Amino acid sequence: MDWLNHIEYTHWDLVGYLGNLIFGSRFLLQWYVSEKKKLSVIPTAFWWLSLVGTVILAVYFFGTGSGPGIVGSAPNGFIYMRNLQLIRKQRLASRASPGTNTELHAPQDPHSPA
């Protein structure tokens, strides 16, 4: 593993690794929560990790001048923000009708009893 001693890291590399770590952790979180609930769910924290990871990666892509990275990641932030907005809206609406679980978001089976 002597080759590791010859790798040079820049501050941009560290930003990129941090963004990838945060962004990638969302899958571990989703897997953990789904296993715990024995149901495929997407916790709200998944969208926060997605947004934070994407922002950090966008900073990295802008800082390193990676055109493909910028084009590939920029639109994602809007999708994550919209999901967080919809979750917030759902939570506000659920205050009017208690008993609604808004922390975990799972596809509903139209054939299962409510």
C-alpha atoms as a PDB file:
ATOM      1  CA  MET A   1       0.000   0.000   0.000  1.00  0.00           C
ATOM      2  CA  ASP A   2       2.999   2.233  -0.567  1.00  0.00           C
ATOM      3  CA  TRP A   3       1.131   3.870  -3.457  1.00  0.00           C
ATOM      4  CA  LEU A   4      -1.104   5.654  -0.900  1.00  0.00           C
ATOM      5  CA  ASN A   5       1.868   7.699   0.262  1.00  0.00           C
ATOM      6  CA  HIS A   6       2.262   9.175  -3.223  1.00  0.00           C
ATOM      7  CA  ILE A   7      -1.296  10.441  -3.645  1.00  0.00           C
ATOM      8  CA  GLU A   8      -1.673  14.180  -3.314  1.00  0.00           C
ATOM      9  CA  TYR A   9      -4.926  15.579  -1.981  1.00  0.00           C
ATOM     10  CA  THR A  10      -6.167  19.109  -2.440  1.00  0.00           C
ATOM     11  CA  HIS A  11      -8.794  20.898  -0.387  1.00  0.00           C
ATOM     12  CA  TRP A  12     -11.181  20.321  -3.305  1.00  0.00           C
ATOM     13  CA  ASP A  13     -10.647  16.577  -3.031  1.00  0.00           C
ATOM     14  CA  LEU A  14     -11.620  16.710   0.626  1.00  0.00           C
ATOM     15  CA  VAL A  15     -14.777  18.685  -0.255  1.00  0.00           C
ATOM     16  CA  GLY A  16     -15.624  16.100  -2.919  1.00  0.00           C
ATOM     17  CA  TYR A  17     -15.092  13.177  -0.557  1.00  0.00           C
ATOM     18  CA  LEU A  18     -17.217  14.841   2.119  1.00  0.00           C
ATOM     19  CA  GLY A  19     -20.042  15.443  -0.370  1.00  0.00           C
ATOM     20  CA  ASN A  20     -19.895  11.843  -1.551  1.00  0.00           C
ATOM     21  CA  LEU A  21     -19.861  10.553   2.027  1.00  0.00           C
ATOM     22  CA  ILE A  22     -22.941  12.561   3.000  1.00  0.00           C
ATOM     23  CA  PHE A  23     -24.776  11.830  -0.239  1.00  0.00           C
ATOM     24  CA  GLY A  24     -23.978   8.117  -0.062  1.00  0.00           C
ATOM     25  CA  SER A  25     -25.018   7.828   3.580  1.00  0.00           C
ATOM     26  CA  ARG A  26     -28.631   8.467   2.574  1.00  0.00           C
ATOM     27  CA  PHE A  27     -28.806   4.963   1.099  1.00  0.00           C
ATOM     28  CA  LEU A  28     -27.515   3.403   4.309  1.00  0.00           C
ATOM     29  CA  LEU A  29     -30.086   5.387   6.276  1.00  0.00           C
ATOM     30  CA  GLN A  30     -32.920   4.319   3.979  1.00  0.00           C
ATOM     31  CA  TRP A  31     -31.833   0.689   4.146  1.00  0.00           C
ATOM     32  CA  TYR A  32     -31.556   0.788   7.956  1.00  0.00           C
ATOM     33  CA  VAL A  33     -34.979   2.368   8.451  1.00  0.00           C
ATOM     34  CA  SER A  34     -36.616   0.015   5.950  1.00  0.00           C
ATOM     35  CA  GLU A  35     -35.117  -3.026   7.685  1.00  0.00           C
ATOM     36  CA  LYS A  36     -36.207  -1.727  11.069  1.00  0.00           C
ATOM     37  CA  LYS A  37     -39.783  -1.146   9.862  1.00  0.00           C
ATOM     38  CA  LYS A  38     -39.852  -4.254   7.630  1.00  0.00           C
ATOM     39  CA  LEU A  39     -41.286  -1.966   4.948  1.00  0.00           C
ATOM     40  CA  SER A  40     -39.693   0.045   2.168  1.00  0.00           C
ATOM     41  CA  VAL A  41     -39.720   3.623   3.447  1.00  0.00           C
ATOM     42  CA  ILE A  42     -37.947   6.880   2.736  1.00  0.00           C
ATOM     43  CA  PRO A  43     -37.311   8.854   5.926  1.00  0.00           C
ATOM     44  CA  THR A  44     -37.268  12.650   5.820  1.00  0.00           C
ATOM     45  CA  ALA A  45     -33.572  12.603   6.710  1.00  0.00           C
ATOM     46  CA  PHE A  46     -32.967  10.882   3.344  1.00  0.00           C
ATOM     47  CA  TRP A  47     -34.006  14.088   1.551  1.00  0.00           C
ATOM     48  CA  TRP A  48     -31.902  16.269   3.868  1.00  0.00           C
ATOM     49  CA  LEU A  49     -28.815  14.122   3.258  1.00  0.00           C
ATOM     50  CA  SER A  50     -29.552  14.256  -0.465  1.00  0.00           C
ATOM     51  CA  LEU A  51     -29.781  18.043  -0.422  1.00  0.00           C
ATOM     52  CA  VAL A  52     -26.713  18.649   1.759  1.00  0.00           C
ATOM     53  CA  GLY A  53     -24.617  16.135  -0.190  1.00  0.00           C
ATOM     54  CA  THR A  54     -25.680  17.684  -3.501  1.00  0.00           C
ATOM     55  CA  VAL A  55     -24.857  21.208  -2.334  1.00  0.00           C
ATOM     56  CA  ILE A  56     -21.397  20.138  -1.169  1.00  0.00           C
ATOM     57  CA  LEU A  57     -20.795  18.264  -4.425  1.00  0.00           C
ATOM     58  CA  ALA A  58     -21.971  21.316  -6.409  1.00  0.00           C
ATOM     59  CA  VAL A  59     -19.411  23.425  -4.538  1.00  0.00           C
ATOM     60  CA  TYR A  60     -16.789  20.833  -5.430  1.00  0.00           C
ATOM     61  CA  PHE A  61     -17.814  20.752  -9.097  1.00  0.00           C
ATOM     62  CA  PHE A  62     -17.814  24.544  -9.353  1.00  0.00           C
ATOM     63  CA  GLY A  63     -14.482  24.752  -7.535  1.00  0.00           C
ATOM     64  CA  THR A  64     -12.823  22.241  -9.817  1.00  0.00           C
ATOM     65  CA  GLY A  65     -14.541  23.490 -12.965  1.00  0.00           C
ATOM     66  CA  SER A  66     -16.196  20.156 -13.708  1.00  0.00           C
ATOM     67  CA  GLY A  67     -18.825  20.998 -16.295  1.00  0.00           C
ATOM     68  CA  PRO A  68     -20.358  17.511 -16.434  1.00  0.00           C
ATOM     69  CA  GLY A  69     -20.568  17.403 -12.630  1.00  0.00           C
ATOM     70  CA  ILE A  70     -22.307  20.773 -12.485  1.00  0.00           C
ATOM     71  CA  VAL A  71     -24.803  19.827 -15.191  1.00  0.00           C
ATOM     72  CA  GLY A  72     -25.441  16.426 -13.609  1.00  0.00           C
ATOM     73  CA  SER A  73     -25.960  17.578 -10.035  1.00  0.00           C
ATOM     74  CA  ALA A  74     -27.491  21.055 -10.227  1.00  0.00           C
ATOM     75  CA  PRO A  75     -31.097  20.032 -11.022  1.00  0.00           C
ATOM     76  CA  ASN A  76     -31.197  17.444  -8.234  1.00  0.00           C
ATOM     77  CA  GLY A  77     -31.256  20.045  -5.480  1.00  0.00           C
ATOM     78  CA  PHE A  78     -34.575  21.374  -6.728  1.00  0.00           C
ATOM     79  CA  ILE A  79     -36.119  17.896  -6.563  1.00  0.00           C
ATOM     80  CA  TYR A  80     -34.873  17.363  -3.009  1.00  0.00           C
ATOM     81  CA  MET A  81     -36.129  20.781  -1.904  1.00  0.00           C
ATOM     82  CA  ARG A  82     -39.528  20.077  -3.461  1.00  0.00           C
ATOM     83  CA  ASN A  83     -39.790  16.773  -1.592  1.00  0.00           C
ATOM     84  CA  LEU A  84     -38.933  18.533   1.675  1.00  0.00           C
ATOM     85  CA  GLN A  85     -41.542  21.186   0.871  1.00  0.00           C
ATOM     86  CA  LEU A  86     -44.187  18.505   0.234  1.00  0.00           C
ATOM     87  CA  ILE A  87     -43.281  16.739   3.500  1.00  0.00           C
ATOM     88  CA  ARG A  88     -43.598  20.018   5.401  1.00  0.00           C
ATOM     89  CA  LYS A  89     -46.965  20.671   3.785  1.00  0.00           C
ATOM     90  CA  GLN A  90     -48.106  17.162   4.708  1.00  0.00           C
ATOM     91  CA  ARG A  91     -47.003  17.633   8.321  1.00  0.00           C
ATOM     92  CA  LEU A  92     -48.869  20.913   8.603  1.00  0.00           C
ATOM     93  CA  ALA A  93     -51.989  19.268   7.190  1.00  0.00           C
ATOM     94  CA  SER A  94     -51.644  16.294   9.546  1.00  0.00           C
ATOM     95  CA  ARG A  95     -51.867  18.615  12.537  1.00  0.00           C
ATOM     96  CA  ALA A  96     -55.486  19.110  11.562  1.00  0.00           C
ATOM     97  CA  SER A  97     -56.011  15.325  11.375  1.00  0.00           C
ATOM     98  CA  PRO A  98     -53.982  13.574  14.103  1.00  0.00           C
ATOM     99  CA  GLY A  99     -52.837   9.992  13.681  1.00  0.00           C
ATOM    100  CA  THR A 100     -51.057  10.496  10.361  1.00  0.00           C
ATOM    101  CA  ASN A 101     -47.454   9.238  10.256  1.00  0.00           C
ATOM    102  CA  THR A 102     -45.457  11.853   8.356  1.00  0.00           C
ATOM    103  CA  GLU A 103     -41.935  10.796   9.331  1.00  0.00           C
ATOM    104  CA  LEU A 104     -41.749   7.823   6.999  1.00  0.00           C
ATOM    105  CA  HIS A 105     -42.954   7.945   3.440  1.00  0.00           C
ATOM    106  CA  ALA A 106     -43.827   4.677   1.772  1.00  0.00           C
ATOM    107  CA  PRO A 107     -45.730   3.922  -1.400  1.00  0.00           C
ATOM    108  CA  GLN A 108     -49.307   3.015  -0.545  1.00  0.00           C
ATOM    109  CA  ASP A 109     -50.768  -0.206  -1.877  1.00  0.00           C
ATOM    110  CA  PRO A 110     -54.268   0.616  -3.154  1.00  0.00           C
ATOM    111  CA  HIS A 111     -55.352  -2.965  -2.411  1.00  0.00           C
ATOM    112  CA  SER A 112     -54.324  -2.998   1.240  1.00  0.00           C
ATOM    113  CA  PRO A 113     -56.733  -2.008   3.993  1.00  0.00           C
ATOM    114  CA  ALA A 114     -56.167   1.504   5.311  1.00  0.00           C
END
